[in-house]
Amino acid sequence: MKFRILIEEDEDGVFAAECPSLPGCVSQGGTRNEALENIKDAIQGYMESLKKHDDPIPPSIQEEIIEIPL
């Protein structure tokens, strides 16, 4: 499965990552790449928990990028 993730750097230089389609699935890292690897682990754990509890897997969020002339 593919998931959209958001990564933002906070005021302390820590990178926070979240997966909007999996509520509460968040992680962080000292670098962008570390945050990316950590959120992958968090998503895997989230999915394992869903399966263990026979909960449905939320559908992926579809995303489009549009350009607005200024």
N, C-alpha and C. Protein backbone atom coordinates (compact mmCIF):
# COMPACT_ATOMS: atom_id res chain seq x y z
N MET A 1 0.84 -1.19 0.00
CA MET A 1 0.00 0.00 0.00
C MET A 1 0.88 1.24 0.00
N LYS A 2 0.32 2.31 -0.52
CA LYS A 2 1.01 3.59 -0.53
C LYS A 2 0.26 4.54 0.39
N PHE A 3 1.01 5.32 1.17
CA PHE A 3 0.44 6.29 2.07
C PHE A 3 1.11 7.64 1.85
N ARG A 4 0.29 8.68 1.93
CA ARG A 4 0.82 10.05 1.87
C ARG A 4 1.28 10.41 3.27
N ILE A 5 2.46 10.99 3.38
CA ILE A 5 2.95 11.45 4.66
C ILE A 5 3.33 12.92 4.57
N LEU A 6 3.29 13.58 5.69
CA LEU A 6 3.71 14.98 5.79
C LEU A 6 4.91 15.03 6.72
N ILE A 7 5.94 15.76 6.30
CA ILE A 7 7.12 15.95 7.13
C ILE A 7 7.37 17.43 7.26
N GLU A 8 7.49 17.89 8.50
CA GLU A 8 7.75 19.31 8.77
C GLU A 8 8.86 19.42 9.79
N GLU A 9 9.69 20.42 9.61
CA GLU A 9 10.75 20.70 10.58
C GLU A 9 10.21 21.70 11.60
N ASP A 10 10.39 21.37 12.89
CA ASP A 10 9.89 22.29 13.91
C ASP A 10 10.96 23.32 14.27
N GLU A 11 10.62 24.21 15.20
CA GLU A 11 11.52 25.32 15.56
C GLU A 11 12.82 24.84 16.20
N ASP A 12 12.85 23.59 16.69
CA ASP A 12 14.07 23.05 17.31
C ASP A 12 14.91 22.24 16.32
N GLY A 13 14.48 22.17 15.07
CA GLY A 13 15.22 21.43 14.05
C GLY A 13 14.88 19.95 14.00
N VAL A 14 13.85 19.52 14.74
CA VAL A 14 13.41 18.13 14.72
C VAL A 14 12.37 17.99 13.60
N PHE A 15 12.44 16.89 12.88
CA PHE A 15 11.51 16.65 11.78
C PHE A 15 10.36 15.77 12.28
N ALA A 16 9.14 16.28 12.19
CA ALA A 16 7.94 15.56 12.59
C ALA A 16 7.27 14.99 11.35
N ALA A 17 6.86 13.73 11.43
CA ALA A 17 6.21 13.07 10.30
C ALA A 17 4.86 12.53 10.75
N GLU A 18 3.87 12.64 9.87
CA GLU A 18 2.56 12.07 10.18
C GLU A 18 1.94 11.48 8.92
N CYS A 19 1.05 10.54 9.13
CA CYS A 19 0.32 9.91 8.05
C CYS A 19 -1.15 10.27 8.22
N PRO A 20 -1.67 11.25 7.47
CA PRO A 20 -3.04 11.74 7.67
C PRO A 20 -4.13 10.67 7.55
N SER A 21 -3.93 9.66 6.74
CA SER A 21 -4.98 8.66 6.57
C SER A 21 -5.01 7.64 7.71
N LEU A 22 -4.00 7.69 8.60
CA LEU A 22 -3.97 6.81 9.77
C LEU A 22 -3.94 7.70 11.01
N PRO A 23 -5.10 8.06 11.55
CA PRO A 23 -5.17 9.00 12.66
C PRO A 23 -4.27 8.60 13.84
N GLY A 24 -3.45 9.55 14.27
CA GLY A 24 -2.56 9.31 15.40
C GLY A 24 -1.25 8.67 15.03
N CYS A 25 -1.04 8.36 13.76
CA CYS A 25 0.21 7.74 13.32
C CYS A 25 1.22 8.84 13.04
N VAL A 26 2.08 9.08 14.02
CA VAL A 26 3.08 10.14 13.94
C VAL A 26 4.43 9.62 14.39
N SER A 27 5.48 10.30 13.97
CA SER A 27 6.83 9.96 14.39
C SER A 27 7.70 11.19 14.20
N GLN A 28 8.98 11.04 14.50
CA GLN A 28 9.90 12.16 14.33
C GLN A 28 11.31 11.64 14.12
N GLY A 29 12.22 12.55 13.81
CA GLY A 29 13.62 12.19 13.65
C GLY A 29 14.48 13.43 13.63
N GLY A 30 15.75 13.23 13.86
CA GLY A 30 16.70 14.33 13.85
C GLY A 30 17.00 14.86 12.46
N THR A 31 16.74 14.03 11.45
CA THR A 31 16.90 14.43 10.05
C THR A 31 15.63 14.05 9.29
N ARG A 32 15.50 14.59 8.11
CA ARG A 32 14.34 14.25 7.27
C ARG A 32 14.32 12.75 6.97
N ASN A 33 15.48 12.19 6.63
CA ASN A 33 15.55 10.76 6.31
C ASN A 33 15.23 9.90 7.53
N GLU A 34 15.69 10.31 8.71
CA GLU A 34 15.39 9.56 9.93
C GLU A 34 13.88 9.60 10.21
N ALA A 35 13.27 10.75 10.03
CA ALA A 35 11.82 10.87 10.23
C ALA A 35 11.08 9.98 9.23
N LEU A 36 11.55 9.92 8.01
CA LEU A 36 10.94 9.08 6.98
C LEU A 36 11.01 7.61 7.37
N GLU A 37 12.17 7.16 7.82
CA GLU A 37 12.32 5.77 8.23
C GLU A 37 11.46 5.47 9.46
N ASN A 38 11.40 6.41 10.39
CA ASN A 38 10.61 6.21 11.60
C ASN A 38 9.12 6.15 11.32
N ILE A 39 8.64 6.98 10.39
CA ILE A 39 7.21 6.94 10.07
C ILE A 39 6.87 5.64 9.32
N LYS A 40 7.79 5.13 8.53
CA LYS A 40 7.57 3.82 7.88
C LYS A 40 7.37 2.75 8.94
N ASP A 41 8.21 2.76 9.98
CA ASP A 41 8.08 1.80 11.07
C ASP A 41 6.74 1.99 11.80
N ALA A 42 6.36 3.25 12.03
CA ALA A 42 5.11 3.55 12.72
C ALA A 42 3.91 3.06 11.90
N ILE A 43 3.95 3.27 10.58
CA ILE A 43 2.86 2.80 9.71
C ILE A 43 2.77 1.28 9.76
N GLN A 44 3.92 0.61 9.71
CA GLN A 44 3.93 -0.86 9.77
C GLN A 44 3.30 -1.34 11.07
N GLY A 45 3.68 -0.73 12.19
CA GLY A 45 3.11 -1.10 13.48
C GLY A 45 1.62 -0.82 13.54
N TYR A 46 1.21 0.30 12.98
CA TYR A 46 -0.22 0.67 12.94
C TYR A 46 -1.01 -0.38 12.17
N MET A 47 -0.48 -0.78 11.01
CA MET A 47 -1.17 -1.76 10.18
C MET A 47 -1.25 -3.11 10.89
N GLU A 48 -0.18 -3.51 11.57
CA GLU A 48 -0.18 -4.77 12.31
C GLU A 48 -1.24 -4.73 13.41
N SER A 49 -1.38 -3.60 14.08
CA SER A 49 -2.38 -3.45 15.14
C SER A 49 -3.79 -3.55 14.57
N LEU A 50 -4.02 -2.91 13.41
CA LEU A 50 -5.34 -3.00 12.77
C LEU A 50 -5.69 -4.45 12.46
N LYS A 51 -4.73 -5.18 11.88
CA LYS A 51 -4.97 -6.58 11.53
C LYS A 51 -5.22 -7.42 12.78
N LYS A 52 -4.43 -7.19 13.83
CA LYS A 52 -4.55 -7.95 15.07
C LYS A 52 -5.94 -7.79 15.69
N HIS A 53 -6.49 -6.59 15.58
CA HIS A 53 -7.79 -6.30 16.18
C HIS A 53 -8.94 -6.40 15.18
N ASP A 54 -8.65 -6.93 13.99
CA ASP A 54 -9.66 -7.08 12.93
C ASP A 54 -10.36 -5.76 12.60
N ASP A 55 -9.60 -4.67 12.66
CA ASP A 55 -10.12 -3.36 12.28
C ASP A 55 -9.88 -3.12 10.79
N PRO A 56 -10.76 -2.38 10.13
CA PRO A 56 -10.58 -2.12 8.69
C PRO A 56 -9.40 -1.20 8.44
N ILE A 57 -8.78 -1.38 7.30
CA ILE A 57 -7.67 -0.51 6.88
C ILE A 57 -8.28 0.70 6.19
N PRO A 58 -7.98 1.92 6.67
CA PRO A 58 -8.53 3.12 6.04
C PRO A 58 -8.05 3.24 4.59
N PRO A 59 -8.90 3.77 3.72
CA PRO A 59 -8.48 3.95 2.32
C PRO A 59 -7.41 5.03 2.23
N SER A 60 -6.58 4.91 1.21
CA SER A 60 -5.54 5.91 0.97
C SER A 60 -6.18 7.23 0.58
N ILE A 61 -5.52 8.32 0.90
CA ILE A 61 -5.97 9.65 0.51
C ILE A 61 -5.43 9.94 -0.89
N GLN A 62 -6.31 10.34 -1.78
CA GLN A 62 -5.88 10.72 -3.13
C GLN A 62 -5.45 12.18 -3.10
N GLU A 63 -4.40 12.49 -3.81
CA GLU A 63 -3.86 13.85 -3.78
C GLU A 63 -3.58 14.32 -5.20
N GLU A 64 -3.89 15.55 -5.44
CA GLU A 64 -3.59 16.20 -6.72
C GLU A 64 -2.81 17.47 -6.43
N ILE A 65 -1.92 17.81 -7.31
CA ILE A 65 -1.18 19.08 -7.21
C ILE A 65 -1.67 19.96 -8.35
N ILE A 66 -2.08 21.16 -8.01
CA ILE A 66 -2.55 22.09 -9.03
C ILE A 66 -1.69 23.35 -8.98
N GLU A 67 -1.65 24.04 -10.09
CA GLU A 67 -0.89 25.28 -10.18
C GLU A 67 -1.87 26.43 -10.34
N ILE A 68 -1.65 27.47 -9.54
CA ILE A 68 -2.50 28.66 -9.58
C ILE A 68 -1.61 29.82 -10.05
N PRO A 69 -1.93 30.43 -11.18
CA PRO A 69 -1.13 31.57 -11.62
C PRO A 69 -1.30 32.77 -10.68
N LEU A 70 -0.23 33.43 -10.42
CA LEU A 70 -0.29 34.61 -9.54
C LEU A 70 -0.11 35.88 -10.34
